[in-house]
Each structure stands twice: as C-alpha cells, then as structure tokens.
PDB file of N, CA and C in Angstrom:
ATOM      1  N   UNK A   1     206.414 245.885  83.196  1.00  0.00           N
ATOM      2  CA  UNK A   1     207.651 245.246  82.793  1.00  0.00           C
ATOM      3  C   UNK A   1     207.417 243.735  82.769  1.00  0.00           C
ATOM      4  N   UNK A   2     207.989 243.098  81.748  1.00  0.00           N
ATOM      5  CA  UNK A   2     207.878 241.647  81.608  1.00  0.00           C
ATOM      6  C   UNK A   2     209.275 241.064  81.416  1.00  0.00           C
ATOM      7  N   UNK A   3     209.563 240.020  82.178  1.00  0.00           N
ATOM      8  CA  UNK A   3     210.860 239.348  82.067  1.00  0.00           C
ATOM      9  C   UNK A   3     210.652 237.994  81.403  1.00  0.00           C
ATOM     10  N   UNK A   4     211.494 237.711  80.417  1.00  0.00           N
ATOM     11  CA  UNK A   4     211.467 236.436  79.701  1.00  0.00           C
ATOM     12  C   UNK A   4     212.596 235.572  80.258  1.00  0.00           C
ATOM     13  N   UNK A   5     212.251 234.517  80.978  1.00  0.00           N
ATOM     14  CA  UNK A   5     213.291 233.702  81.614  1.00  0.00           C
ATOM     15  C   UNK A   5     214.165 232.983  80.591  1.00  0.00           C
ATOM     16  N   UNK A   6     215.361 232.690  81.003  1.00  0.00           N
ATOM     17  CA  UNK A   6     216.295 231.939  80.180  1.00  0.00           C
ATOM     18  C   UNK A   6     216.274 230.477  80.612  1.00  0.00           C
ATOM     19  N   UNK A   7     216.358 229.584  79.638  1.00  0.00           N
ATOM     20  CA  UNK A   7     216.455 228.153  79.942  1.00  0.00           C
ATOM     21  C   UNK A   7     217.904 227.759  80.232  1.00  0.00           C
ATOM     22  N   UNK A   8     218.831 228.683  80.023  1.00  0.00           N
ATOM     23  CA  UNK A   8     220.248 228.403  80.261  1.00  0.00           C
ATOM     24  C   UNK A   8     220.551 228.416  81.754  1.00  0.00           C
ATOM     25  N   UNK A   9     221.590 227.733  82.165  1.00  0.00           N
ATOM     26  CA  UNK A   9     221.923 227.642  83.602  1.00  0.00           C
ATOM     27  C   UNK A   9     222.682 228.849  84.144  1.00  0.00           C
ATOM     28  N   UNK A  10     222.251 230.068  83.770  1.00  0.00           N
ATOM     29  CA  UNK A  10     222.926 231.280  84.206  1.00  0.00           C
ATOM     30  C   UNK A  10     221.902 232.233  84.821  1.00  0.00           C
ATOM     31  N   UNK A  11     222.322 233.091  85.739  1.00  0.00           N
ATOM     32  CA  UNK A  11     221.382 233.963  86.458  1.00  0.00           C
ATOM     33  C   UNK A  11     221.042 235.263  85.713  1.00  0.00           C
ATOM     34  N   UNK A  12     220.298 235.149  84.625  1.00  0.00           N
ATOM     35  CA  UNK A  12     219.821 236.334  83.911  1.00  0.00           C
ATOM     36  C   UNK A  12     218.579 235.998  83.114  1.00  0.00           C
ATOM     37  N   UNK A  13     217.812 237.020  82.797  1.00  0.00           N
ATOM     38  CA  UNK A  13     216.663 236.864  81.911  1.00  0.00           C
ATOM     39  C   UNK A  13     217.155 236.875  80.477  1.00  0.00           C
ATOM     40  N   UNK A  14     216.483 236.127  79.630  1.00  0.00           N
ATOM     41  CA  UNK A  14     216.815 236.117  78.201  1.00  0.00           C
ATOM     42  C   UNK A  14     216.566 237.504  77.612  1.00  0.00           C
ATOM     43  N   UNK A  15     215.458 238.122  78.057  1.00  0.00           N
ATOM     44  CA  UNK A  15     215.107 239.474  77.624  1.00  0.00           C
ATOM     45  C   UNK A  15     214.184 240.092  78.661  1.00  0.00           C
ATOM     46  N   UNK A  16     214.139 241.416  78.659  1.00  0.00           N
ATOM     47  CA  UNK A  16     213.214 242.158  79.507  1.00  0.00           C
ATOM     48  C   UNK A  16     212.490 243.160  78.610  1.00  0.00           C
ATOM     49  N   UNK A  17     211.165 243.195  78.727  1.00  0.00           N
ATOM     50  CA  UNK A  17     210.353 244.149  77.980  1.00  0.00           C
ATOM     51  C   UNK A  17     209.908 245.256  78.926  1.00  0.00           C
ATOM     52  N   UNK A  18     210.121 246.504  78.508  1.00  0.00           N
ATOM     53  CA  UNK A  18     209.733 247.648  79.328  1.00  0.00           C
ATOM     54  C   UNK A  18     209.388 248.827  78.415  1.00  0.00           C
ATOM     55  N   UNK A  19     208.243 249.416  78.645  1.00  0.00           N
ATOM     56  CA  UNK A  19     207.823 250.613  77.913  1.00  0.00           C
ATOM     57  C   UNK A  19     207.937 250.473  76.395  1.00  0.00           C
ATOM     58  N   UNK A  20     207.568 249.306  75.867  1.00  0.00           N
ATOM     59  CA  UNK A  20     207.579 249.097  74.426  1.00  0.00           C
ATOM     60  C   UNK A  20     208.918 248.714  73.843  1.00  0.00           C
ATOM     61  N   UNK A  21     209.917 248.492  74.691  1.00  0.00           N
ATOM     62  CA  UNK A  21     211.244 248.106  74.232  1.00  0.00           C
ATOM     63  C   UNK A  21     211.612 246.730  74.771  1.00  0.00           C
ATOM     64  N   UNK A  22     212.440 246.025  74.020  1.00  0.00           N
ATOM     65  CA  UNK A  22     213.021 244.758  74.458  1.00  0.00           C
ATOM     66  C   UNK A  22     214.516 244.962  74.667  1.00  0.00           C
ATOM     67  N   UNK A  23     215.009 244.479  75.782  1.00  0.00           N
ATOM     68  CA  UNK A  23     216.428 244.522  76.102  1.00  0.00           C
ATOM     69  C   UNK A  23     216.893 243.077  76.228  1.00  0.00           C
ATOM     70  N   UNK A  24     217.665 242.602  75.252  1.00  0.00           N
ATOM     71  CA  UNK A  24     218.159 241.234  75.287  1.00  0.00           C
ATOM     72  C   UNK A  24     219.470 241.181  76.056  1.00  0.00           C
ATOM     73  N   UNK A  25     219.635 240.123  76.836  1.00  0.00           N
ATOM     74  CA  UNK A  25     220.914 239.902  77.500  1.00  0.00           C
ATOM     75  C   UNK A  25     221.978 239.636  76.449  1.00  0.00           C
ATOM     76  N   UNK A  26     223.230 239.839  76.815  1.00  0.00           N
ATOM     77  CA  UNK A  26     224.327 239.592  75.883  1.00  0.00           C
ATOM     78  C   UNK A  26     224.259 238.180  75.322  1.00  0.00           C
ATOM     79  N   UNK A  27     224.506 238.074  74.047  1.00  0.00           N
ATOM     80  CA  UNK A  27     224.437 236.795  73.343  1.00  0.00           C
ATOM     81  C   UNK A  27     225.836 236.399  72.887  1.00  0.00           C
ATOM     82  N   UNK A  28     226.235 235.194  73.245  1.00  0.00           N
ATOM     83  CA  UNK A  28     227.493 234.647  72.754  1.00  0.00           C
ATOM     84  C   UNK A  28     227.169 233.386  71.963  1.00  0.00           C
ATOM     85  N   UNK A  29     228.167 232.846  71.326  1.00  0.00           N
ATOM     86  CA  UNK A  29     228.014 231.633  70.530  1.00  0.00           C
ATOM     87  C   UNK A  29     227.813 230.456  71.482  1.00  0.00           C
ATOM     88  N   UNK A  30     226.534 230.081  71.656  1.00  0.00           N
ATOM     89  CA  UNK A  30     226.177 229.070  72.653  1.00  0.00           C
ATOM     90  C   UNK A  30     225.050 228.200  72.113  1.00  0.00           C
ATOM     91  N   UNK A  31     225.130 226.898  72.404  1.00  0.00           N
ATOM     92  CA  UNK A  31     224.053 226.012  71.969  1.00  0.00           C
ATOM     93  C   UNK A  31     222.909 226.022  72.984  1.00  0.00           C
ATOM     94  N   UNK A  32     221.858 225.262  72.697  1.00  0.00           N
ATOM     95  CA  UNK A  32     220.660 225.257  73.546  1.00  0.00           C
ATOM     96  C   UNK A  32     220.911 224.701  74.952  1.00  0.00           C
ATOM     97  N   UNK A  33     222.000 223.958  75.131  1.00  0.00           N
ATOM     98  CA  UNK A  33     222.333 223.409  76.444  1.00  0.00           C
ATOM     99  C   UNK A  33     223.202 224.359  77.266  1.00  0.00           C
ATOM    100  N   UNK A  34     223.480 225.534  76.714  1.00  0.00           N
ATOM    101  CA  UNK A  34     224.300 226.504  77.426  1.00  0.00           C
ATOM    102  C   UNK A  34     225.782 226.257  77.310  1.00  0.00           C
ATOM    103  N   UNK A  35     226.185 225.484  76.310  1.00  0.00           N
ATOM    104  CA  UNK A  35     227.603 225.197  76.098  1.00  0.00           C
ATOM    105  C   UNK A  35     228.158 226.139  75.040  1.00  0.00           C
ATOM    106  N   UNK A  36     229.327 226.727  75.284  1.00  0.00           N
ATOM    107  CA  UNK A  36     229.930 227.608  74.286  1.00  0.00           C
ATOM    108  C   UNK A  36     230.285 226.833  73.027  1.00  0.00           C
ATOM    109  N   UNK A  37     230.128 227.501  71.883  1.00  0.00           N
ATOM    110  CA  UNK A  37     230.455 226.897  70.592  1.00  0.00           C
ATOM    111  C   UNK A  37     231.579 227.725  69.969  1.00  0.00           C
ATOM    112  N   UNK A  38     232.768 227.148  69.928  1.00  0.00           N
ATOM    113  CA  UNK A  38     233.910 227.806  69.308  1.00  0.00           C
ATOM    114  C   UNK A  38     233.744 227.733  67.791  1.00  0.00           C
ATOM    115  N   UNK A  39     234.461 228.534  67.093  1.00  0.00           N
ATOM    116  CA  UNK A  39     234.425 228.523  65.635  1.00  0.00           C
ATOM    117  C   UNK A  39     235.014 229.805  65.110  1.00  0.00           C
ATOM    118  N   UNK A  40     234.899 229.989  63.804  1.00  0.00           N
ATOM    119  CA  UNK A  40     235.389 231.209  63.184  1.00  0.00           C
ATOM    120  C   UNK A  40     234.505 232.384  63.611  1.00  0.00           C
ATOM    121  N   UNK A  41     234.954 233.584  63.302  1.00  0.00           N
ATOM    122  CA  UNK A  41     234.144 234.776  63.587  1.00  0.00           C
ATOM    123  C   UNK A  41     232.809 234.658  62.864  1.00  0.00           C
ATOM    124  N   UNK A  42     232.832 234.201  61.616  1.00  0.00           N
ATOM    125  CA  UNK A  42     231.594 234.047  60.850  1.00  0.00           C
ATOM    126  C   UNK A  42     230.653 233.046  61.512  1.00  0.00           C
ATOM    127  N   UNK A  43     231.194 231.916  61.952  1.00  0.00           N
ATOM    128  CA  UNK A  43     230.363 230.885  62.583  1.00  0.00           C
ATOM    129  C   UNK A  43     229.790 231.369  63.912  1.00  0.00           C
ATOM    130  N   UNK A  44     230.615 232.018  64.728  1.00  0.00           N
ATOM    131  CA  UNK A  44     230.121 232.538  66.000  1.00  0.00           C
ATOM    132  C   UNK A  44     229.042 233.601  65.765  1.00  0.00           C
ATOM    133  N   UNK A  45     229.293 234.506  64.817  1.00  0.00           N
ATOM    134  CA  UNK A  45     228.330 235.564  64.525  1.00  0.00           C
ATOM    135  C   UNK A  45     227.016 234.982  64.023  1.00  0.00           C
ATOM    136  N   UNK A  46     227.081 233.991  63.138  1.00  0.00           N
ATOM    137  CA  UNK A  46     225.864 233.361  62.610  1.00  0.00           C
ATOM    138  C   UNK A  46     225.040 232.735  63.726  1.00  0.00           C
ATOM    139  N   UNK A  47     225.681 231.979  64.615  1.00  0.00           N
ATOM    140  CA  UNK A  47     224.952 231.342  65.715  1.00  0.00           C
ATOM    141  C   UNK A  47     224.353 232.390  66.655  1.00  0.00           C
ATOM    142  N   UNK A  48     225.089 233.442  66.924  1.00  0.00           N
ATOM    143  CA  UNK A  48     224.558 234.510  67.778  1.00  0.00           C
ATOM    144  C   UNK A  48     223.316 235.117  67.137  1.00  0.00           C
ATOM    145  N   UNK A  49     223.377 235.408  65.844  1.00  0.00           N
ATOM    146  CA  UNK A  49     222.207 235.985  65.178  1.00  0.00           C
ATOM    147  C   UNK A  49     221.030 235.007  65.154  1.00  0.00           C
ATOM    148  N   UNK A  50     221.293 233.725  65.027  1.00  0.00           N
ATOM    149  CA  UNK A  50     220.212 232.730  65.108  1.00  0.00           C
ATOM    150  C   UNK A  50     219.568 232.763  66.493  1.00  0.00           C
ATOM    151  N   UNK A  51     220.381 232.864  67.531  1.00  0.00           N
ATOM    152  CA  UNK A  51     219.858 232.933  68.896  1.00  0.00           C
ATOM    153  C   UNK A  51     219.100 234.231  69.139  1.00  0.00           C
ATOM    154  N   UNK A  52     219.597 235.336  68.603  1.00  0.00           N
ATOM    155  CA  UNK A  52     218.894 236.616  68.722  1.00  0.00           C
ATOM    156  C   UNK A  52     217.549 236.542  68.020  1.00  0.00           C
ATOM    157  N   UNK A  53     217.534 235.998  66.818  1.00  0.00           N
ATOM    158  CA  UNK A  53     216.276 235.877  66.056  1.00  0.00           C
ATOM    159  C   UNK A  53     215.260 235.047  66.827  1.00  0.00           C
ATOM    160  N   UNK A  54     215.703 233.938  67.423  1.00  0.00           N
ATOM    161  CA  UNK A  54     214.788 233.083  68.193  1.00  0.00           C
ATOM    162  C   UNK A  54     214.239 233.823  69.407  1.00  0.00           C
ATOM    163  N   UNK A  55     215.104 234.568  70.098  1.00  0.00           N
ATOM    164  CA  UNK A  55     214.648 235.328  71.268  1.00  0.00           C
ATOM    165  C   UNK A  55     213.671 236.413  70.850  1.00  0.00           C
ATOM    166  N   UNK A  56     214.006 237.166  69.812  1.00  0.00           N
ATOM    167  CA  UNK A  56     213.095 238.214  69.341  1.00  0.00           C
ATOM    168  C   UNK A  56     211.734 237.630  68.968  1.00  0.00           C
ATOM    169  N   UNK A  57     211.741 236.531  68.235  1.00  0.00           N
ATOM    170  CA  UNK A  57     210.486 235.895  67.811  1.00  0.00           C
ATOM    171  C   UNK A  57     209.662 235.464  69.018  1.00  0.00           C
ATOM    172  N   UNK A  58     210.306 234.855  69.998  1.00  0.00           N
ATOM    173  CA  UNK A  58     209.573 234.375  71.180  1.00  0.00           C
ATOM    174  C   UNK A  58     209.005 235.526  72.009  1.00  0.00           C
ATOM    175  N   UNK A  59     209.575 236.721  71.818  1.00  0.00           N
ATOM    176  CA  UNK A  59     209.099 237.916  72.536  1.00  0.00           C
ATOM    177  C   UNK A  59     208.155 238.753  71.673  1.00  0.00           C
ATOM    178  N   UNK A  60     207.824 238.268  70.470  1.00  0.00           N
ATOM    179  CA  UNK A  60     206.914 238.979  69.589  1.00  0.00           C
ATOM    180  C   UNK A  60     207.555 240.085  68.780  1.00  0.00           C
ATOM    181  N   UNK A  61     208.865 240.022  68.585  1.00  0.00           N
ATOM    182  CA  UNK A  61     209.574 241.048  67.835  1.00  0.00           C
ATOM    183  C   UNK A  61     210.317 240.401  66.672  1.00  0.00           C
ATOM    184  N   UNK A  62     211.157 241.181  65.994  1.00  0.00           N
ATOM    185  CA  UNK A  62     211.888 240.668  64.837  1.00  0.00           C
ATOM    186  C   UNK A  62     213.095 241.549  64.540  1.00  0.00           C
ATOM    187  N   UNK A  63     213.933 241.079  63.590  1.00  0.00           N
ATOM    188  CA  UNK A  63     215.150 241.799  63.229  1.00  0.00           C
ATOM    189  C   UNK A  63     214.866 243.218  62.764  1.00  0.00           C
ATOM    190  N   UNK A  64     213.775 243.426  62.046  1.00  0.00           N
ATOM    191  CA  UNK A  64     213.503 244.769  61.528  1.00  0.00           C
ATOM    192  C   UNK A  64     213.119 245.754  62.629  1.00  0.00           C
ATOM    193  N   UNK A  65     212.964 245.268  63.860  1.00  0.00           N
ATOM    194  CA  UNK A  65     212.643 246.145  64.986  1.00  0.00           C
ATOM    195  C   UNK A  65     213.852 246.417  65.881  1.00  0.00           C
ATOM    196  N   UNK A  66     215.018 245.904  65.475  1.00  0.00           N
ATOM    197  CA  UNK A  66     216.236 246.164  66.260  1.00  0.00           C
ATOM    198  C   UNK A  66     216.620 247.630  66.114  1.00  0.00           C
ATOM    199  N   UNK A  67     216.850 248.268  67.244  1.00  0.00           N
ATOM    200  CA  UNK A  67     217.211 249.684  67.282  1.00  0.00           C
ATOM    201  C   UNK A  67     218.721 249.863  67.441  1.00  0.00           C
ATOM    202  N   UNK A  68     219.280 249.048  68.322  1.00  0.00           N
ATOM    203  CA  UNK A  68     220.681 249.244  68.694  1.00  0.00           C
ATOM    204  C   UNK A  68     221.329 247.908  69.017  1.00  0.00           C
ATOM    205  N   UNK A  69     222.603 247.782  68.658  1.00  0.00           N
ATOM    206  CA  UNK A  69     223.394 246.596  68.980  1.00  0.00           C
ATOM    207  C   UNK A  69     224.734 247.056  69.544  1.00  0.00           C
ATOM    208  N   UNK A  70     225.129 246.447  70.649  1.00  0.00           N
ATOM    209  CA  UNK A  70     226.474 246.634  71.167  1.00  0.00           C
ATOM    210  C   UNK A  70     227.232 245.343  70.886  1.00  0.00           C
ATOM    211  N   UNK A  71     228.419 245.478  70.320  1.00  0.00           N
ATOM    212  CA  UNK A  71     229.233 244.321  69.936  1.00  0.00           C
ATOM    213  C   UNK A  71     230.541 244.366  70.711  1.00  0.00           C
ATOM    214  N   UNK A  72     230.912 243.226  71.249  1.00  0.00           N
ATOM    215  CA  UNK A  72     232.223 243.058  71.866  1.00  0.00           C
ATOM    216  C   UNK A  72     232.994 242.066  71.017  1.00  0.00           C
ATOM    217  N   UNK A  73     234.207 242.403  70.671  1.00  0.00           N
ATOM    218  CA  UNK A  73     235.109 241.506  69.965  1.00  0.00           C
ATOM    219  C   UNK A  73     236.310 241.233  70.861  1.00  0.00           C
ATOM    220  N   UNK A  74     236.857 240.043  70.753  1.00  0.00           N
ATOM    221  CA  UNK A  74     238.030 239.706  71.561  1.00  0.00           C
ATOM    222  C   UNK A  74     239.285 240.423  71.066  1.00  0.00           C
ATOM    223  N   UNK A  75     239.253 240.851  69.802  1.00  0.00           N
ATOM    224  CA  UNK A  75     240.417 241.500  69.198  1.00  0.00           C
ATOM    225  C   UNK A  75     239.930 242.332  68.014  1.00  0.00           C
ATOM    226  N   UNK A  76     240.408 243.566  67.887  1.00  0.00           N
ATOM    227  CA  UNK A  76     239.988 244.419  66.771  1.00  0.00           C
ATOM    228  C   UNK A  76     240.427 243.843  65.430  1.00  0.00           C
ATOM    229  N   UNK A  77     241.337 242.888  65.425  1.00  0.00           N
ATOM    230  CA  UNK A  77     241.736 242.225  64.182  1.00  0.00           C
ATOM    231  C   UNK A  77     240.548 241.497  63.544  1.00  0.00           C
ATOM    232  N   UNK A  78     239.503 241.217  64.333  1.00  0.00           N
ATOM    233  CA  UNK A  78     238.299 240.532  63.817  1.00  0.00           C
ATOM    234  C   UNK A  78     237.278 241.496  63.224  1.00  0.00           C
ATOM    235  N   UNK A  79     237.527 242.800  63.306  1.00  0.00           N
ATOM    236  CA  UNK A  79     236.530 243.813  62.944  1.00  0.00           C
ATOM    237  C   UNK A  79     236.030 243.671  61.505  1.00  0.00           C
ATOM    238  N   UNK A  80     236.918 243.551  60.563  1.00  0.00           N
ATOM    239  CA  UNK A  80     236.533 243.463  59.150  1.00  0.00           C
ATOM    240  C   UNK A  80     235.742 242.182  58.872  1.00  0.00           C
ATOM    241  N   UNK A  81     236.209 241.063  59.382  1.00  0.00           N
ATOM    242  CA  UNK A  81     235.518 239.782  59.180  1.00  0.00           C
ATOM    243  C   UNK A  81     234.148 239.808  59.844  1.00  0.00           C
ATOM    244  N   UNK A  82     234.089 240.368  61.051  1.00  0.00           N
ATOM    245  CA  UNK A  82     232.798 240.483  61.731  1.00  0.00           C
ATOM    246  C   UNK A  82     231.837 241.342  60.909  1.00  0.00           C
ATOM    247  N   UNK A  83     232.319 242.482  60.411  1.00  0.00           N
ATOM    248  CA  UNK A  83     231.458 243.368  59.625  1.00  0.00           C
ATOM    249  C   UNK A  83     230.880 242.663  58.401  1.00  0.00           C
ATOM    250  N   UNK A  84     231.661 241.829  57.749  1.00  0.00           N
ATOM    251  CA  UNK A  84     231.155 241.074  56.593  1.00  0.00           C
ATOM    252  C   UNK A  84     230.031 240.140  57.005  1.00  0.00           C
ATOM    253  N   UNK A  85     230.202 239.437  58.119  1.00  0.00           N
ATOM    254  CA  UNK A  85     229.161 238.529  58.609  1.00  0.00           C
ATOM    255  C   UNK A  85     227.933 239.310  59.080  1.00  0.00           C
ATOM    256  N   UNK A  86     228.155 240.448  59.699  1.00  0.00           N
ATOM    257  CA  UNK A  86     227.088 241.302  60.215  1.00  0.00           C
ATOM    258  C   UNK A  86     226.208 241.823  59.077  1.00  0.00           C
ATOM    259  N   UNK A  87     226.835 242.263  57.992  1.00  0.00           N
ATOM    260  CA  UNK A  87     226.104 242.825  56.845  1.00  0.00           C
ATOM    261  C   UNK A  87     225.093 241.836  56.263  1.00  0.00           C
ATOM    262  N   UNK A  88     225.372 240.559  56.335  1.00  0.00           N
ATOM    263  CA  UNK A  88     224.442 239.555  55.786  1.00  0.00           C
ATOM    264  C   UNK A  88     223.090 239.583  56.488  1.00  0.00           C
ATOM    265  N   UNK A  89     223.066 240.083  57.714  1.00  0.00           N
ATOM    266  CA  UNK A  89     221.826 240.117  58.488  1.00  0.00           C
ATOM    267  C   UNK A  89     221.102 241.458  58.391  1.00  0.00           C
ATOM    268  N   UNK A  90     221.793 242.458  57.891  1.00  0.00           N
ATOM    269  CA  UNK A  90     221.214 243.794  57.717  1.00  0.00           C
ATOM    270  C   UNK A  90     221.608 244.317  56.339  1.00  0.00           C
ATOM    271  N   UNK A  91     220.873 243.911  55.308  1.00  0.00           N
ATOM    272  CA  UNK A  91     221.246 244.349  53.958  1.00  0.00           C
ATOM    273  C   UNK A  91     221.172 245.867  53.780  1.00  0.00           C
ATOM    274  N   UNK A  92     220.326 246.534  54.557  1.00  0.00           N
ATOM    275  CA  UNK A  92     220.244 247.994  54.542  1.00  0.00           C
ATOM    276  C   UNK A  92     219.593 248.447  55.847  1.00  0.00           C
ATOM    277  N   UNK A  93     219.559 249.728  56.056  1.00  0.00           N
ATOM    278  CA  UNK A  93     218.952 250.281  57.269  1.00  0.00           C
ATOM    279  C   UNK A  93     219.527 249.663  58.547  1.00  0.00           C
ATOM    280  N   UNK A  94     220.818 249.835  58.722  1.00  0.00           N
ATOM    281  CA  UNK A  94     221.494 249.291  59.900  1.00  0.00           C
ATOM    282  C   UNK A  94     220.968 249.905  61.193  1.00  0.00           C
ATOM    283  N   UNK A  95     220.917 249.114  62.269  1.00  0.00           N
ATOM    284  CA  UNK A  95     220.635 249.704  63.583  1.00  0.00           C
ATOM    285  C   UNK A  95     221.855 250.490  64.064  1.00  0.00           C
ATOM    286  N   UNK A  96     221.660 251.329  65.072  1.00  0.00           N
ATOM    287  CA  UNK A  96     222.796 251.990  65.704  1.00  0.00           C
ATOM    288  C   UNK A  96     223.684 250.896  66.313  1.00  0.00           C
ATOM    289  N   UNK A  97     224.997 251.150  66.356  1.00  0.00           N
ATOM    290  CA  UNK A  97     225.900 250.108  66.842  1.00  0.00           C
ATOM    291  C   UNK A  97     227.136 250.704  67.483  1.00  0.00           C
ATOM    292  N   UNK A  98     227.600 250.033  68.522  1.00  0.00           N
ATOM    293  CA  UNK A  98     228.877 250.318  69.148  1.00  0.00           C
ATOM    294  C   UNK A  98     229.676 249.023  69.137  1.00  0.00           C
ATOM    295  N   UNK A  99     230.972 249.116  68.862  1.00  0.00           N
ATOM    296  CA  UNK A  99     231.842 247.941  68.888  1.00  0.00           C
ATOM    297  C   UNK A  99     233.031 248.252  69.780  1.00  0.00           C
ATOM    298  N   UNK A 100     233.288 247.352  70.724  1.00  0.00           N
ATOM    299  CA  UNK A 100     234.408 247.510  71.645  1.00  0.00           C
ATOM    300  C   UNK A 100     235.188 246.201  71.733  1.00  0.00           C
ATOM    301  N   UNK A 101     236.357 246.270  72.307  1.00  0.00           N
ATOM    302  CA  UNK A 101     237.190 245.083  72.501  1.00  0.00           C
ATOM    303  C   UNK A 101     237.230 244.734  73.974  1.00  0.00           C
ATOM    304  N   UNK A 102     237.089 243.439  74.261  1.00  0.00           N
ATOM    305  CA  UNK A 102     237.105 242.972  75.642  1.00  0.00           C
ATOM    306  C   UNK A 102     237.393 241.475  75.668  1.00  0.00           C
ATOM    307  N   UNK A 103     237.872 240.996  76.782  1.00  0.00           N
ATOM    308  CA  UNK A 103     237.983 239.557  76.964  1.00  0.00           C
ATOM    309  C   UNK A 103     236.576 239.038  77.247  1.00  0.00           C
ATOM    310  N   UNK A 104     236.167 238.003  76.547  1.00  0.00           N
ATOM    311  CA  UNK A 104     234.794 237.510  76.621  1.00  0.00           C
ATOM    312  C   UNK A 104     234.707 236.174  77.349  1.00  0.00           C
ATOM    313  N   UNK A 105     233.514 235.895  77.849  1.00  0.00           N
ATOM    314  CA  UNK A 105     233.254 234.634  78.542  1.00  0.00           C
ATOM    315  C   UNK A 105     233.635 233.450  77.652  1.00  0.00           C
ATOM    316  N   UNK A 106     234.164 232.416  78.263  1.00  0.00           N
ATOM    317  CA  UNK A 106     234.526 231.167  77.600  1.00  0.00           C
ATOM    318  C   UNK A 106     235.566 231.371  76.490  1.00  0.00           C
ATOM    319  N   UNK A 107     236.279 232.501  76.537  1.00  0.00           N
ATOM    320  CA  UNK A 107     237.288 232.831  75.525  1.00  0.00           C
ATOM    321  C   UNK A 107     236.728 232.829  74.106  1.00  0.00           C
ATOM    322  N   UNK A 108     235.452 233.211  73.967  1.00  0.00           N
ATOM    323  CA  UNK A 108     234.861 233.363  72.643  1.00  0.00           C
ATOM    324  C   UNK A 108     235.306 234.687  72.046  1.00  0.00           C
ATOM    325  N   UNK A 109     234.965 234.924  70.784  1.00  0.00           N
ATOM    326  CA  UNK A 109     235.463 236.102  70.084  1.00  0.00           C
ATOM    327  C   UNK A 109     234.422 237.182  69.826  1.00  0.00           C
ATOM    328  N   UNK A 110     233.122 236.853  69.992  1.00  0.00           N
ATOM    329  CA  UNK A 110     232.056 237.812  69.697  1.00  0.00           C
ATOM    330  C   UNK A 110     230.964 237.719  70.763  1.00  0.00           C
ATOM    331  N   UNK A 111     230.452 238.868  71.171  1.00  0.00           N
ATOM    332  CA  UNK A 111     229.248 238.943  72.000  1.00  0.00           C
ATOM    333  C   UNK A 111     228.444 240.124  71.492  1.00  0.00           C
ATOM    334  N   UNK A 112     227.114 239.979  71.497  1.00  0.00           N
ATOM    335  CA  UNK A 112     226.239 241.063  71.060  1.00  0.00           C
ATOM    336  C   UNK A 112     225.104 241.242  72.045  1.00  0.00           C
ATOM    337  N   UNK A 113     224.739 242.493  72.245  1.00  0.00           N
ATOM    338  CA  UNK A 113     223.605 242.861  73.098  1.00  0.00           C
ATOM    339  C   UNK A 113     222.666 243.709  72.243  1.00  0.00           C
ATOM    340  N   UNK A 114     221.380 243.379  72.274  1.00  0.00           N
ATOM    341  CA  UNK A 114     220.397 244.007  71.388  1.00  0.00           C
ATOM    342  C   UNK A 114     219.317 244.717  72.155  1.00  0.00           C
ATOM    343  N   UNK A 115     218.919 245.865  71.626  1.00  0.00           N
ATOM    344  CA  UNK A 115     217.706 246.557  72.079  1.00  0.00           C
ATOM    345  C   UNK A 115     216.815 246.689  70.855  1.00  0.00           C
ATOM    346  N   UNK A 116     215.526 246.364  71.039  1.00  0.00           N
ATOM    347  CA  UNK A 116     214.584 246.372  69.931  1.00  0.00           C
ATOM    348  C   UNK A 116     213.226 246.855  70.398  1.00  0.00           C
ATOM    349  N   UNK A 117     212.381 247.190  69.450  1.00  0.00           N
ATOM    350  CA  UNK A 117     210.991 247.476  69.777  1.00  0.00           C
ATOM    351  C   UNK A 117     210.296 246.159  70.056  1.00  0.00           C
ATOM    352  N   UNK A 118     209.415 246.167  71.044  1.00  0.00           N
ATOM    353  CA  UNK A 118     208.673 244.951  71.404  1.00  0.00           C
ATOM    354  C   UNK A 118     207.639 244.644  70.334  1.00  0.00           C
TER     355      UNK A 118
END
C-alpha cells in the first residue's frame, strides 16, 4: 500500500494506492492553498475535475482509468446542471457513479470521490 500525502492543511491522504487501485479522497472546489472556491455548479465541477486530473497524473493514472465516482450535491436541483458539466469530462464510456444529496464542507455544492486503476 502506498499513501500519497496531501499538501492541504487537512488530516487525510490525497490518494491511497492498494492492490492496483487508487482511492482518492473526496474532492471539493478548492484552490492549491486549501481555500474553498465558491462558484456555479459548472465552475465547481470544472475545478474539482482539474484537481482530480492532477492527483491522478501525480499517482501515475489518468481519467480513462477511473472506475467509479461518488458524487455529493448540496441539492438535487443541481443534478441536471451537474450532469451537463460531468459529460464534458466523459464523452463516452462513463465510469460507474452514485449521486447523493448532503450538506457539504464550506457550504459548497459539489464533492466527488474517485476510484481508479493505478
């Protein structure tokens, strides 16, 4: 097992690799200094995917190796808008996905957790 430390001021690993899989910690709309970035659903989703891509790359993986994504939305009213932003990152061959509603850290509207092949 290999743990990839986070540079953010929070007590978690950015990702953990085990048995050929990568498990990324939940990703919210956050800049490199660990500050939340508010914005539209599209803007939050775009920044989250940029952060996921950077983490996957640093761990030797990529978007085409994503197996599963869990998505949390602050309100199901964002579902359609989120799906439009999500589709831009997966033109075909979607990973498995679960979407739930929950109150999120820093009152943001989107959080995603990814599992991928290492």
